[in-house]
Each structure stands twice: as C-alpha cells, then as structure tokens.
C-alpha cells in the first residue's frame, strides 16, 4: 500500500514538472508609449462618404490622428489597441463612453509612426484636444 501511494506521488510530480517544460510561453500584454500626438483633416479621398455612428447620414468631419509609438519590448507587437480621449473646443467628449479609438496592426521594436482615422460630428467645434493616449498589444499571435 505504501509503495502504491509513493508511486502515485512520484508520477504526479513528474507530470507537474513535465507540464512546465512543455507549456507554451505566456504572451503578456505589452504597453506602448504614444507621443507627439497631433491631428489634421483627412485628404479628400479618405473623407468621402464620412458618416457618424448614429446610423443616420449626419454631417461629419474626418481627421487623421498621427504620432509616434515606442515599443520597448524588443519584439514586434501585433494588433496594438489605441486608447485615448478626444475633446472638442467646448471640452465635450467627441466619442462618448469610448476610449478605444482603433488599433495599429504591427509595431516593430523601437519608435514607429502611426496614424488613426476618426470621424467627428460636424456639430462639435474644433480645435480638438487629444488626451491620455496610449496603446497596448501582444508580442505574439493571440488567436489563429
């Protein structure tokens, strides 16, 4: 009886240690610093057909938010989500209840340029104020 309990304990330990050796590396969320953030009106070919998210064809303005993204992970970051707050000239939020503004498909290690297209209702006055911009993504494929 003692031998059997000992054998079960040894086998359980081997499986436990073996699972550590064979398990894939964890893919951690990587924080990306965004800086030199600015915006300008979209070129005519990008702005054509711009509508708001209200479902109706309401007048809207198209803007490109541009800046630099700093990836210090040493590995490419895939599909980094961009978060931030955008206010109009009256300090009203441009995108209510929404801080995820878009994504960057791939960021190599180091500093890269990025751009993000946003649509703002024409009723919201400019200049826009861009605040609390940051990004986060993964250093590997999350899903296939």
Protein backbone atom coordinates (compact mmCIF):
# COMPACT_ATOMS: atom_id res chain seq x y z
CA UNK A 1 0.00 0.00 0.00
CA UNK A 2 2.82 2.41 0.86
CA UNK A 3 4.61 1.65 -2.40
CA UNK A 4 1.46 2.39 -4.41
CA UNK A 5 0.96 5.78 -2.70
CA UNK A 6 4.62 6.62 -3.26
CA UNK A 7 4.36 5.66 -6.96
CA UNK A 8 1.26 7.84 -7.41
CA UNK A 9 3.06 10.78 -5.76
CA UNK A 10 6.14 10.36 -7.99
CA UNK A 11 4.01 10.16 -11.15
CA UNK A 12 2.04 13.27 -10.13
CA UNK A 13 5.29 15.19 -9.55
CA UNK A 14 6.67 14.09 -12.93
CA UNK A 15 3.51 15.26 -14.70
CA UNK A 16 3.62 18.56 -12.85
CA UNK A 17 7.27 19.25 -13.72
CA UNK A 18 6.75 17.97 -17.29
CA UNK A 19 3.84 20.36 -17.87
CA UNK A 20 6.12 23.30 -17.03
CA UNK A 21 8.65 22.14 -19.59
CA UNK A 22 6.16 21.64 -22.42
CA UNK A 23 3.76 24.54 -21.84
CA UNK A 24 3.99 27.44 -24.31
CA UNK A 25 5.41 30.74 -23.20
CA UNK A 26 2.86 33.17 -21.83
CA UNK A 27 2.03 36.07 -24.10
CA UNK A 28 1.85 39.19 -21.98
CA UNK A 29 0.15 42.45 -22.76
CA UNK A 30 2.79 45.00 -23.79
CA UNK A 31 2.30 48.69 -23.03
CA UNK A 32 3.20 51.10 -25.85
CA UNK A 33 4.00 54.75 -25.20
CA UNK A 34 2.37 57.16 -27.69
CA UNK A 35 3.77 60.68 -28.06
CA UNK A 36 3.95 63.67 -30.44
CA UNK A 37 0.18 63.25 -30.94
CA UNK A 38 -1.49 65.67 -33.35
CA UNK A 39 -4.31 65.68 -35.91
CA UNK A 40 -5.22 67.16 -39.27
CA UNK A 41 -8.14 66.94 -41.69
CA UNK A 42 -8.33 63.84 -43.85
CA UNK A 43 -7.38 64.06 -47.52
CA UNK A 44 -10.45 64.25 -49.76
CA UNK A 45 -10.23 60.57 -50.81
CA UNK A 46 -10.40 59.42 -47.17
CA UNK A 47 -13.09 61.89 -46.12
CA UNK A 48 -15.53 60.98 -48.91
CA UNK A 49 -18.71 59.38 -47.56
CA UNK A 50 -17.96 60.18 -43.91
CA UNK A 51 -20.93 59.50 -41.62
CA UNK A 52 -21.36 59.36 -37.86
CA UNK A 53 -22.11 56.26 -35.81
CA UNK A 54 -25.69 57.38 -35.13
CA UNK A 55 -26.92 55.32 -38.09
CA UNK A 56 -28.27 58.32 -39.98
CA UNK A 57 -26.27 60.24 -42.53
CA UNK A 58 -25.39 63.18 -40.31
CA UNK A 59 -22.73 65.68 -41.37
CA UNK A 60 -19.32 64.69 -40.05
CA UNK A 61 -15.68 65.67 -40.33
CA UNK A 62 -12.84 63.25 -40.94
CA UNK A 63 -9.50 63.66 -39.13
CA UNK A 64 -6.23 61.74 -39.07
CA UNK A 65 -4.61 61.45 -35.66
CA UNK A 66 -0.85 60.96 -36.06
CA UNK A 67 2.01 60.39 -33.68
CA UNK A 68 4.85 58.14 -32.65
CA UNK A 69 4.65 54.78 -30.88
CA UNK A 70 7.52 53.49 -28.75
CA UNK A 71 7.80 49.68 -28.45
CA UNK A 72 10.43 48.85 -25.81
CA UNK A 73 9.64 45.11 -25.68
CA UNK A 74 12.36 44.08 -28.14
CA UNK A 75 9.77 42.07 -30.09
CA UNK A 76 7.14 43.04 -32.68
CA UNK A 77 3.79 43.89 -31.11
CA UNK A 78 0.74 42.65 -33.02
CA UNK A 79 -2.61 44.47 -33.18
CA UNK A 80 -2.00 47.13 -30.52
CA UNK A 81 -5.20 48.81 -29.35
CA UNK A 82 -5.07 52.62 -29.17
CA UNK A 83 -6.80 54.27 -26.24
CA UNK A 84 -7.36 57.96 -25.58
CA UNK A 85 -9.83 60.75 -25.02
CA UNK A 86 -10.73 63.38 -27.59
CA UNK A 87 -12.47 66.59 -26.58
CA UNK A 88 -13.89 69.36 -28.76
CA UNK A 89 -13.29 73.11 -28.27
CA UNK A 90 -16.02 73.19 -25.57
CA UNK A 91 -14.33 70.34 -23.62
CA UNK A 92 -17.12 67.92 -24.58
CA UNK A 93 -16.10 64.34 -25.33
CA UNK A 94 -16.11 63.60 -29.06
CA UNK A 95 -16.62 59.85 -28.56
CA UNK A 96 -18.94 59.29 -25.61
CA UNK A 97 -18.29 56.18 -23.48
CA UNK A 98 -15.49 55.06 -25.75
CA UNK A 99 -11.78 55.18 -25.04
CA UNK A 100 -10.64 52.51 -27.55
CA UNK A 101 -10.16 54.52 -30.71
CA UNK A 102 -8.59 51.99 -33.08
CA UNK A 103 -5.52 49.83 -33.49
CA UNK A 104 -2.06 49.55 -35.02
CA UNK A 105 -1.58 46.31 -36.98
CA UNK A 106 2.09 45.76 -36.18
CA UNK A 107 4.74 47.69 -34.28
CA UNK A 108 8.38 46.67 -34.70
CA UNK A 109 10.76 47.26 -31.78
CA UNK A 110 11.74 50.92 -31.38
CA UNK A 111 9.89 54.07 -32.42
CA UNK A 112 7.37 54.00 -35.30
CA UNK A 113 4.95 56.47 -36.83
CA UNK A 114 1.23 55.71 -36.64
CA UNK A 115 -1.98 57.24 -37.88
CA UNK A 116 -5.61 56.72 -36.96
CA UNK A 117 -8.70 57.91 -38.83
CA UNK A 118 -11.53 59.32 -36.69
CA UNK A 119 -14.93 60.73 -37.56
CA UNK A 120 -16.30 63.66 -35.56
CA UNK A 121 -19.84 65.07 -35.85
CA UNK A 122 -19.72 68.39 -37.72
CA UNK A 123 -21.63 70.00 -34.83
CA UNK A 124 -18.62 69.60 -32.50
CA UNK A 125 -16.33 72.64 -32.74
CA UNK A 126 -12.61 72.43 -33.29
CA UNK A 127 -9.80 72.59 -32.30
CA UNK A 128 -9.80 69.08 -30.85
CA UNK A 129 -7.91 68.22 -27.69
CA UNK A 130 -6.17 64.83 -27.64
CA UNK A 131 -5.58 63.46 -24.12
CA UNK A 132 -4.34 60.31 -22.36
CA UNK A 133 -3.23 58.48 -25.50
CA UNK A 134 -1.61 55.07 -25.01
CA UNK A 135 -1.58 51.67 -26.68
CA UNK A 136 -1.30 48.03 -25.64
CA UNK A 137 -0.81 44.86 -27.65
CA UNK A 138 0.73 41.40 -27.65
CA UNK A 139 4.19 40.21 -28.71
CA UNK A 140 2.67 37.18 -30.45
CA UNK A 141 -0.48 35.95 -32.09
CA UNK A 142 -3.34 35.75 -29.59
CA UNK A 143 -5.68 33.76 -31.88
CA UNK A 144 -5.15 31.98 -35.15
